[in-house]
């Protein structure tokens, strides 16, 4: 199930650099983190949903690549983001 418009707007406001920022690395990582959390909850109830499991693994891999890019480009921004999202880093 896709994120609602209000959930997306909250993420844009919290992690975007400016009002129209919907594609920066920080926003993308926050969106993926939210989606991964939702898929994790879904998979706790539906253990045999392998299609959703595969989608979650793809999202985790994409988030990992984006975080690696951000760590190289802006180390302080990387630290701030993983602390704000509660990710290990």
PDB file of N, CA and C in Angstrom:
ATOM      1  N   UNK A   1       0.844  -1.177   0.000  1.00  0.00           N
ATOM      2  CA  UNK A   1       0.000   0.000   0.000  1.00  0.00           C
ATOM      3  C   UNK A   1       0.891   1.243   0.000  1.00  0.00           C
ATOM      4  N   UNK A   2       0.693   2.142  -0.910  1.00  0.00           N
ATOM      5  CA  UNK A   2       1.536   3.336  -0.987  1.00  0.00           C
ATOM      6  C   UNK A   2       1.293   4.285   0.192  1.00  0.00           C
ATOM      7  N   UNK A   3       2.267   5.158   0.401  1.00  0.00           N
ATOM      8  CA  UNK A   3       2.139   6.151   1.462  1.00  0.00           C
ATOM      9  C   UNK A   3       1.041   7.153   1.119  1.00  0.00           C
ATOM     10  N   UNK A   4       0.343   7.617   2.133  1.00  0.00           N
ATOM     11  CA  UNK A   4      -0.700   8.612   1.909  1.00  0.00           C
ATOM     12  C   UNK A   4      -0.068   9.971   1.617  1.00  0.00           C
ATOM     13  N   UNK A   5      -0.847  10.847   1.069  1.00  0.00           N
ATOM     14  CA  UNK A   5      -0.360  12.184   0.722  1.00  0.00           C
ATOM     15  C   UNK A   5       0.081  12.945   1.961  1.00  0.00           C
ATOM     16  N   UNK A   6      -0.661  12.800   3.048  1.00  0.00           N
ATOM     17  CA  UNK A   6      -0.293  13.511   4.274  1.00  0.00           C
ATOM     18  C   UNK A   6       1.012  12.964   4.854  1.00  0.00           C
ATOM     19  N   UNK A   7       1.213  11.649   4.767  1.00  0.00           N
ATOM     20  CA  UNK A   7       2.458  11.058   5.266  1.00  0.00           C
ATOM     21  C   UNK A   7       3.644  11.555   4.442  1.00  0.00           C
ATOM     22  N   UNK A   8       3.457  11.622   3.125  1.00  0.00           N
ATOM     23  CA  UNK A   8       4.525  12.135   2.264  1.00  0.00           C
ATOM     24  C   UNK A   8       4.831  13.590   2.586  1.00  0.00           C
ATOM     25  N   UNK A   9       3.797  14.390   2.784  1.00  0.00           N
ATOM     26  CA  UNK A   9       3.998  15.808   3.077  1.00  0.00           C
ATOM     27  C   UNK A   9       4.742  16.001   4.400  1.00  0.00           C
ATOM     28  N   UNK A  10       4.444  15.172   5.395  1.00  0.00           N
ATOM     29  CA  UNK A  10       5.166  15.249   6.662  1.00  0.00           C
ATOM     30  C   UNK A  10       6.648  14.969   6.465  1.00  0.00           C
ATOM     31  N   UNK A  11       6.954  13.979   5.640  1.00  0.00           N
ATOM     32  CA  UNK A  11       8.354  13.636   5.372  1.00  0.00           C
ATOM     33  C   UNK A  11       9.035  14.769   4.616  1.00  0.00           C
ATOM     34  N   UNK A  12       8.356  15.333   3.620  1.00  0.00           N
ATOM     35  CA  UNK A  12       8.926  16.455   2.869  1.00  0.00           C
ATOM     36  C   UNK A  12       9.235  17.628   3.797  1.00  0.00           C
ATOM     37  N   UNK A  13       8.301  17.931   4.702  1.00  0.00           N
ATOM     38  CA  UNK A  13       8.498  19.055   5.615  1.00  0.00           C
ATOM     39  C   UNK A  13       9.632  18.792   6.593  1.00  0.00           C
ATOM     40  N   UNK A  14       9.750  17.560   7.075  1.00  0.00           N
ATOM     41  CA  UNK A  14      10.746  17.249   8.090  1.00  0.00           C
ATOM     42  C   UNK A  14      12.161  17.134   7.524  1.00  0.00           C
ATOM     43  N   UNK A  15      12.306  16.567   6.332  1.00  0.00           N
ATOM     44  CA  UNK A  15      13.637  16.260   5.817  1.00  0.00           C
ATOM     45  C   UNK A  15      14.032  17.053   4.579  1.00  0.00           C
ATOM     46  N   UNK A  16      13.109  17.782   3.977  1.00  0.00           N
ATOM     47  CA  UNK A  16      13.425  18.552   2.775  1.00  0.00           C
ATOM     48  C   UNK A  16      14.213  19.806   3.091  1.00  0.00           C
ATOM     49  N   UNK A  17      15.034  20.207   2.153  1.00  0.00           N
ATOM     50  CA  UNK A  17      15.856  21.404   2.338  1.00  0.00           C
ATOM     51  C   UNK A  17      15.046  22.680   2.136  1.00  0.00           C
ATOM     52  N   UNK A  18      13.998  22.609   1.312  1.00  0.00           N
ATOM     53  CA  UNK A  18      13.137  23.762   1.057  1.00  0.00           C
ATOM     54  C   UNK A  18      11.728  23.244   0.777  1.00  0.00           C
ATOM     55  N   UNK A  19      10.804  24.134   0.505  1.00  0.00           N
ATOM     56  CA  UNK A  19       9.394  23.768   0.365  1.00  0.00           C
ATOM     57  C   UNK A  19       9.131  22.765  -0.751  1.00  0.00           C
ATOM     58  N   UNK A  20       9.793  22.907  -1.869  1.00  0.00           N
ATOM     59  CA  UNK A  20       9.524  22.053  -3.018  1.00  0.00           C
ATOM     60  C   UNK A  20      10.479  20.864  -3.118  1.00  0.00           C
ATOM     61  N   UNK A  21      11.229  20.583  -2.061  1.00  0.00           N
ATOM     62  CA  UNK A  21      12.222  19.513  -2.083  1.00  0.00           C
ATOM     63  C   UNK A  21      11.532  18.166  -1.875  1.00  0.00           C
ATOM     64  N   UNK A  22      11.422  17.390  -2.947  1.00  0.00           N
ATOM     65  CA  UNK A  22      10.803  16.070  -2.846  1.00  0.00           C
ATOM     66  C   UNK A  22      11.732  14.973  -3.351  1.00  0.00           C
ATOM     67  N   UNK A  23      12.943  15.320  -3.766  1.00  0.00           N
ATOM     68  CA  UNK A  23      13.803  14.313  -4.350  1.00  0.00           C
ATOM     69  C   UNK A  23      15.216  14.277  -3.825  1.00  0.00           C
ATOM     70  N   UNK A  24      15.526  15.049  -2.795  1.00  0.00           N
ATOM     71  CA  UNK A  24      16.890  15.022  -2.271  1.00  0.00           C
ATOM     72  C   UNK A  24      17.161  13.667  -1.621  1.00  0.00           C
ATOM     73  N   UNK A  25      18.413  13.378  -1.414  1.00  0.00           N
ATOM     74  CA  UNK A  25      18.808  12.101  -0.845  1.00  0.00           C
ATOM     75  C   UNK A  25      18.174  11.886   0.526  1.00  0.00           C
ATOM     76  N   UNK A  26      18.151  12.918   1.338  1.00  0.00           N
ATOM     77  CA  UNK A  26      17.583  12.792   2.679  1.00  0.00           C
ATOM     78  C   UNK A  26      16.105  12.437   2.619  1.00  0.00           C
ATOM     79  N   UNK A  27      15.364  13.076   1.732  1.00  0.00           N
ATOM     80  CA  UNK A  27      13.931  12.803   1.595  1.00  0.00           C
ATOM     81  C   UNK A  27      13.723  11.384   1.081  1.00  0.00           C
ATOM     82  N   UNK A  28      14.526  10.954   0.112  1.00  0.00           N
ATOM     83  CA  UNK A  28      14.381   9.610  -0.424  1.00  0.00           C
ATOM     84  C   UNK A  28      14.647   8.556   0.650  1.00  0.00           C
ATOM     85  N   UNK A  29      15.674   8.774   1.467  1.00  0.00           N
ATOM     86  CA  UNK A  29      15.988   7.817   2.532  1.00  0.00           C
ATOM     87  C   UNK A  29      14.858   7.777   3.553  1.00  0.00           C
ATOM     88  N   UNK A  30      14.310   8.928   3.906  1.00  0.00           N
ATOM     89  CA  UNK A  30      13.200   8.971   4.862  1.00  0.00           C
ATOM     90  C   UNK A  30      11.967   8.263   4.305  1.00  0.00           C
ATOM     91  N   UNK A  31      11.670   8.459   3.021  1.00  0.00           N
ATOM     92  CA  UNK A  31      10.525   7.794   2.396  1.00  0.00           C
ATOM     93  C   UNK A  31      10.728   6.283   2.393  1.00  0.00           C
ATOM     94  N   UNK A  32      11.934   5.848   2.033  1.00  0.00           N
ATOM     95  CA  UNK A  32      12.212   4.413   2.020  1.00  0.00           C
ATOM     96  C   UNK A  32      12.140   3.828   3.420  1.00  0.00           C
ATOM     97  N   UNK A  33      12.617   4.565   4.409  1.00  0.00           N
ATOM     98  CA  UNK A  33      12.567   4.072   5.785  1.00  0.00           C
ATOM     99  C   UNK A  33      11.128   3.881   6.246  1.00  0.00           C
ATOM    100  N   UNK A  34      10.277   4.820   5.884  1.00  0.00           N
ATOM    101  CA  UNK A  34       8.850   4.709   6.240  1.00  0.00           C
ATOM    102  C   UNK A  34       8.218   3.503   5.562  1.00  0.00           C
ATOM    103  N   UNK A  35       8.546   3.309   4.275  1.00  0.00           N
ATOM    104  CA  UNK A  35       8.001   2.184   3.515  1.00  0.00           C
ATOM    105  C   UNK A  35       8.506   0.853   4.079  1.00  0.00           C
ATOM    106  N   UNK A  36       9.773   0.787   4.448  1.00  0.00           N
ATOM    107  CA  UNK A  36      10.354  -0.428   5.017  1.00  0.00           C
ATOM    108  C   UNK A  36       9.672  -0.762   6.338  1.00  0.00           C
ATOM    109  N   UNK A  37       9.403   0.246   7.152  1.00  0.00           N
ATOM    110  CA  UNK A  37       8.715   0.015   8.425  1.00  0.00           C
ATOM    111  C   UNK A  37       7.314  -0.556   8.191  1.00  0.00           C
ATOM    112  N   UNK A  38       6.608  -0.012   7.203  1.00  0.00           N
ATOM    113  CA  UNK A  38       5.268  -0.523   6.898  1.00  0.00           C
ATOM    114  C   UNK A  38       5.327  -1.956   6.383  1.00  0.00           C
ATOM    115  N   UNK A  39       6.290  -2.252   5.528  1.00  0.00           N
ATOM    116  CA  UNK A  39       6.421  -3.606   5.013  1.00  0.00           C
ATOM    117  C   UNK A  39       6.811  -4.585   6.114  1.00  0.00           C
ATOM    118  N   UNK A  40       7.631  -4.139   7.055  1.00  0.00           N
ATOM    119  CA  UNK A  40       8.009  -4.996   8.177  1.00  0.00           C
ATOM    120  C   UNK A  40       6.780  -5.376   8.992  1.00  0.00           C
ATOM    121  N   UNK A  41       5.929  -4.411   9.264  1.00  0.00           N
ATOM    122  CA  UNK A  41       4.695  -4.695  10.002  1.00  0.00           C
ATOM    123  C   UNK A  41       3.785  -5.634   9.209  1.00  0.00           C
ATOM    124  N   UNK A  42       3.692  -5.426   7.913  1.00  0.00           N
ATOM    125  CA  UNK A  42       2.872  -6.289   7.067  1.00  0.00           C
ATOM    126  C   UNK A  42       3.387  -7.729   7.103  1.00  0.00           C
ATOM    127  N   UNK A  43       4.712  -7.879   7.031  1.00  0.00           N
ATOM    128  CA  UNK A  43       5.294  -9.217   6.977  1.00  0.00           C
ATOM    129  C   UNK A  43       5.232  -9.942   8.315  1.00  0.00           C
ATOM    130  N   UNK A  44       5.057  -9.220   9.401  1.00  0.00           N
ATOM    131  CA  UNK A  44       4.872  -9.885  10.690  1.00  0.00           C
ATOM    132  C   UNK A  44       3.562 -10.661  10.703  1.00  0.00           C
ATOM    133  N   UNK A  45       2.556 -10.133  10.029  1.00  0.00           N
ATOM    134  CA  UNK A  45       1.254 -10.788   9.979  1.00  0.00           C
ATOM    135  C   UNK A  45       1.165 -11.785   8.823  1.00  0.00           C
ATOM    136  N   UNK A  46       1.771 -11.432   7.692  1.00  0.00           N
ATOM    137  CA  UNK A  46       1.679 -12.271   6.486  1.00  0.00           C
ATOM    138  C   UNK A  46       3.062 -12.840   6.179  1.00  0.00           C
ATOM    139  N   UNK A  47       3.432 -13.875   6.898  1.00  0.00           N
ATOM    140  CA  UNK A  47       4.791 -14.414   6.817  1.00  0.00           C
ATOM    141  C   UNK A  47       5.134 -15.010   5.452  1.00  0.00           C
ATOM    142  N   UNK A  48       4.164 -15.467   4.720  1.00  0.00           N
ATOM    143  CA  UNK A  48       4.436 -16.133   3.447  1.00  0.00           C
ATOM    144  C   UNK A  48       4.275 -15.215   2.232  1.00  0.00           C
ATOM    145  N   UNK A  49       4.194 -13.935   2.449  1.00  0.00           N
ATOM    146  CA  UNK A  49       4.049 -12.977   1.354  1.00  0.00           C
ATOM    147  C   UNK A  49       5.432 -12.665   0.789  1.00  0.00           C
ATOM    148  N   UNK A  50       5.876 -13.532  -0.105  1.00  0.00           N
ATOM    149  CA  UNK A  50       7.240 -13.427  -0.610  1.00  0.00           C
ATOM    150  C   UNK A  50       7.418 -12.265  -1.589  1.00  0.00           C
ATOM    151  N   UNK A  51       6.362 -11.849  -2.246  1.00  0.00           N
ATOM    152  CA  UNK A  51       6.461 -10.699  -3.143  1.00  0.00           C
ATOM    153  C   UNK A  51       6.750  -9.427  -2.353  1.00  0.00           C
ATOM    154  N   UNK A  52       6.061  -9.259  -1.244  1.00  0.00           N
ATOM    155  CA  UNK A  52       6.316  -8.090  -0.403  1.00  0.00           C
ATOM    156  C   UNK A  52       7.688  -8.166   0.244  1.00  0.00           C
ATOM    157  N   UNK A  53       8.111  -9.369   0.586  1.00  0.00           N
ATOM    158  CA  UNK A  53       9.439  -9.552   1.177  1.00  0.00           C
ATOM    159  C   UNK A  53      10.517  -9.118   0.177  1.00  0.00           C
ATOM    160  N   UNK A  54      10.337  -9.509  -1.075  1.00  0.00           N
ATOM    161  CA  UNK A  54      11.297  -9.124  -2.104  1.00  0.00           C
ATOM    162  C   UNK A  54      11.306  -7.608  -2.289  1.00  0.00           C
ATOM    163  N   UNK A  55      10.129  -6.984  -2.281  1.00  0.00           N
ATOM    164  CA  UNK A  55      10.048  -5.541  -2.391  1.00  0.00           C
ATOM    165  C   UNK A  55      10.735  -4.842  -1.225  1.00  0.00           C
ATOM    166  N   UNK A  56      10.598  -5.421  -0.036  1.00  0.00           N
ATOM    167  CA  UNK A  56      11.259  -4.830   1.122  1.00  0.00           C
ATOM    168  C   UNK A  56      12.775  -4.937   0.984  1.00  0.00           C
ATOM    169  N   UNK A  57      13.265  -6.081   0.518  1.00  0.00           N
ATOM    170  CA  UNK A  57      14.707  -6.235   0.343  1.00  0.00           C
ATOM    171  C   UNK A  57      15.245  -5.258  -0.694  1.00  0.00           C
ATOM    172  N   UNK A  58      14.478  -5.026  -1.759  1.00  0.00           N
ATOM    173  CA  UNK A  58      14.897  -4.049  -2.765  1.00  0.00           C
ATOM    174  C   UNK A  58      14.938  -2.647  -2.171  1.00  0.00           C
ATOM    175  N   UNK A  59      13.963  -2.313  -1.328  1.00  0.00           N
ATOM    176  CA  UNK A  59      13.929  -0.989  -0.694  1.00  0.00           C
ATOM    177  C   UNK A  59      15.101  -0.825   0.265  1.00  0.00           C
ATOM    178  N   UNK A  60      15.420  -1.876   1.021  1.00  0.00           N
ATOM    179  CA  UNK A  60      16.551  -1.823   1.949  1.00  0.00           C
ATOM    180  C   UNK A  60      17.855  -1.612   1.176  1.00  0.00           C
ATOM    181  N   UNK A  61      17.999  -2.311   0.057  1.00  0.00           N
ATOM    182  CA  UNK A  61      19.212  -2.158  -0.753  1.00  0.00           C
ATOM    183  C   UNK A  61      19.323  -0.750  -1.319  1.00  0.00           C
ATOM    184  N   UNK A  62      18.221  -0.211  -1.782  1.00  0.00           N
ATOM    185  CA  UNK A  62      18.232   1.153  -2.330  1.00  0.00           C
ATOM    186  C   UNK A  62      18.574   2.164  -1.241  1.00  0.00           C
ATOM    187  N   UNK A  63      17.994   1.985  -0.054  1.00  0.00           N
ATOM    188  CA  UNK A  63      18.296   2.894   1.057  1.00  0.00           C
ATOM    189  C   UNK A  63      19.772   2.804   1.423  1.00  0.00           C
ATOM    190  N   UNK A  64      20.325   1.597   1.427  1.00  0.00           N
ATOM    191  CA  UNK A  64      21.736   1.415   1.750  1.00  0.00           C
ATOM    192  C   UNK A  64      22.622   2.152   0.745  1.00  0.00           C
ATOM    193  N   UNK A  65      22.293   2.064  -0.549  1.00  0.00           N
ATOM    194  CA  UNK A  65      23.071   2.768  -1.566  1.00  0.00           C
ATOM    195  C   UNK A  65      22.970   4.284  -1.401  1.00  0.00           C
ATOM    196  N   UNK A  66      21.766   4.775  -1.119  1.00  0.00           N
ATOM    197  CA  UNK A  66      21.593   6.214  -0.926  1.00  0.00           C
ATOM    198  C   UNK A  66      22.358   6.700   0.305  1.00  0.00           C
ATOM    199  N   UNK A  67      22.346   5.911   1.372  1.00  0.00           N
ATOM    200  CA  UNK A  67      23.083   6.302   2.574  1.00  0.00           C
ATOM    201  C   UNK A  67      24.591   6.299   2.321  1.00  0.00           C
ATOM    202  N   UNK A  68      25.066   5.348   1.544  1.00  0.00           N
ATOM    203  CA  UNK A  68      26.490   5.315   1.203  1.00  0.00           C
ATOM    204  C   UNK A  68      26.876   6.559   0.404  1.00  0.00           C
ATOM    205  N   UNK A  69      26.017   6.949  -0.526  1.00  0.00           N
ATOM    206  CA  UNK A  69      26.251   8.166  -1.313  1.00  0.00           C
ATOM    207  C   UNK A  69      26.264   9.395  -0.409  1.00  0.00           C
ATOM    208  N   UNK A  70      25.297   9.479   0.485  1.00  0.00           N
ATOM    209  CA  UNK A  70      25.202  10.637   1.375  1.00  0.00           C
ATOM    210  C   UNK A  70      26.393  10.704   2.323  1.00  0.00           C
ATOM    211  N   UNK A  71      26.850   9.547   2.806  1.00  0.00           N
ATOM    212  CA  UNK A  71      27.996   9.516   3.711  1.00  0.00           C
ATOM    213  C   UNK A  71      29.243  10.071   3.030  1.00  0.00           C
ATOM    214  N   UNK A  72      29.410   9.788   1.752  1.00  0.00           N
ATOM    215  CA  UNK A  72      30.565  10.305   1.019  1.00  0.00           C
ATOM    216  C   UNK A  72      30.439  11.775   0.677  1.00  0.00           C
ATOM    217  N   UNK A  73      29.216  12.228   0.417  1.00  0.00           N
ATOM    218  CA  UNK A  73      29.002  13.608  -0.010  1.00  0.00           C
ATOM    219  C   UNK A  73      28.906  14.580   1.163  1.00  0.00           C
ATOM    220  N   UNK A  74      28.216  14.160   2.232  1.00  0.00           N
ATOM    221  CA  UNK A  74      27.957  15.055   3.364  1.00  0.00           C
ATOM    222  C   UNK A  74      27.966  14.237   4.656  1.00  0.00           C
ATOM    223  N   UNK A  75      29.146  13.981   5.231  1.00  0.00           N
ATOM    224  CA  UNK A  75      29.219  13.117   6.421  1.00  0.00           C
ATOM    225  C   UNK A  75      28.395  13.628   7.606  1.00  0.00           C
ATOM    226  N   UNK A  76      28.367  14.934   7.827  1.00  0.00           N
ATOM    227  CA  UNK A  76      27.588  15.468   8.948  1.00  0.00           C
ATOM    228  C   UNK A  76      26.096  15.300   8.688  1.00  0.00           C
ATOM    229  N   UNK A  77      25.661  15.544   7.469  1.00  0.00           N
ATOM    230  CA  UNK A  77      24.262  15.329   7.116  1.00  0.00           C
ATOM    231  C   UNK A  77      23.863  13.869   7.260  1.00  0.00           C
ATOM    232  N   UNK A  78      24.793  12.975   6.923  1.00  0.00           N
ATOM    233  CA  UNK A  78      24.559  11.538   7.088  1.00  0.00           C
ATOM    234  C   UNK A  78      24.325  11.201   8.564  1.00  0.00           C
ATOM    235  N   UNK A  79      25.198  11.705   9.434  1.00  0.00           N
ATOM    236  CA  UNK A  79      25.059  11.442  10.874  1.00  0.00           C
ATOM    237  C   UNK A  79      23.737  11.985  11.410  1.00  0.00           C
ATOM    238  N   UNK A  80      23.389  13.203  10.994  1.00  0.00           N
ATOM    239  CA  UNK A  80      22.135  13.808  11.444  1.00  0.00           C
ATOM    240  C   UNK A  80      20.937  12.989  10.989  1.00  0.00           C
ATOM    241  N   UNK A  81      20.981  12.503   9.749  1.00  0.00           N
ATOM    242  CA  UNK A  81      19.854  11.741   9.197  1.00  0.00           C
ATOM    243  C   UNK A  81      19.678  10.404   9.896  1.00  0.00           C
ATOM    244  N   UNK A  82      20.767   9.667  10.111  1.00  0.00           N
ATOM    245  CA  UNK A  82      20.602   8.357  10.749  1.00  0.00           C
ATOM    246  C   UNK A  82      20.173   8.505  12.205  1.00  0.00           C
ATOM    247  N   UNK A  83      20.570   9.597  12.851  1.00  0.00           N
ATOM    248  CA  UNK A  83      20.089   9.835  14.213  1.00  0.00           C
ATOM    249  C   UNK A  83      18.622  10.198  14.212  1.00  0.00           C
ATOM    250  N   UNK A  84      18.200  11.025  13.267  1.00  0.00           N
ATOM    251  CA  UNK A  84      16.798  11.437  13.192  1.00  0.00           C
ATOM    252  C   UNK A  84      15.887  10.252  12.854  1.00  0.00           C
ATOM    253  N   UNK A  85      16.362   9.357  12.012  1.00  0.00           N
ATOM    254  CA  UNK A  85      15.544   8.212  11.610  1.00  0.00           C
ATOM    255  C   UNK A  85      15.700   7.014  12.545  1.00  0.00           C
ATOM    256  N   UNK A  86      16.703   7.064  13.400  1.00  0.00           N
ATOM    257  CA  UNK A  86      16.930   5.953  14.332  1.00  0.00           C
ATOM    258  C   UNK A  86      17.527   4.735  13.658  1.00  0.00           C
ATOM    259  N   UNK A  87      18.364   4.965  12.646  1.00  0.00           N
ATOM    260  CA  UNK A  87      19.012   3.875  11.935  1.00  0.00           C
ATOM    261  C   UNK A  87      20.373   3.595  12.543  1.00  0.00           C
ATOM    262  N   UNK A  88      20.836   2.379  12.370  1.00  0.00           N
ATOM    263  CA  UNK A  88      22.199   2.066  12.771  1.00  0.00           C
ATOM    264  C   UNK A  88      23.134   2.594  11.714  1.00  0.00           C
ATOM    265  N   UNK A  89      24.311   3.026  12.107  1.00  0.00           N
ATOM    266  CA  UNK A  89      25.230   3.546  11.100  1.00  0.00           C
ATOM    267  C   UNK A  89      26.575   3.485  11.506  1.00  0.00           C
TER     268      UNK A  89
END
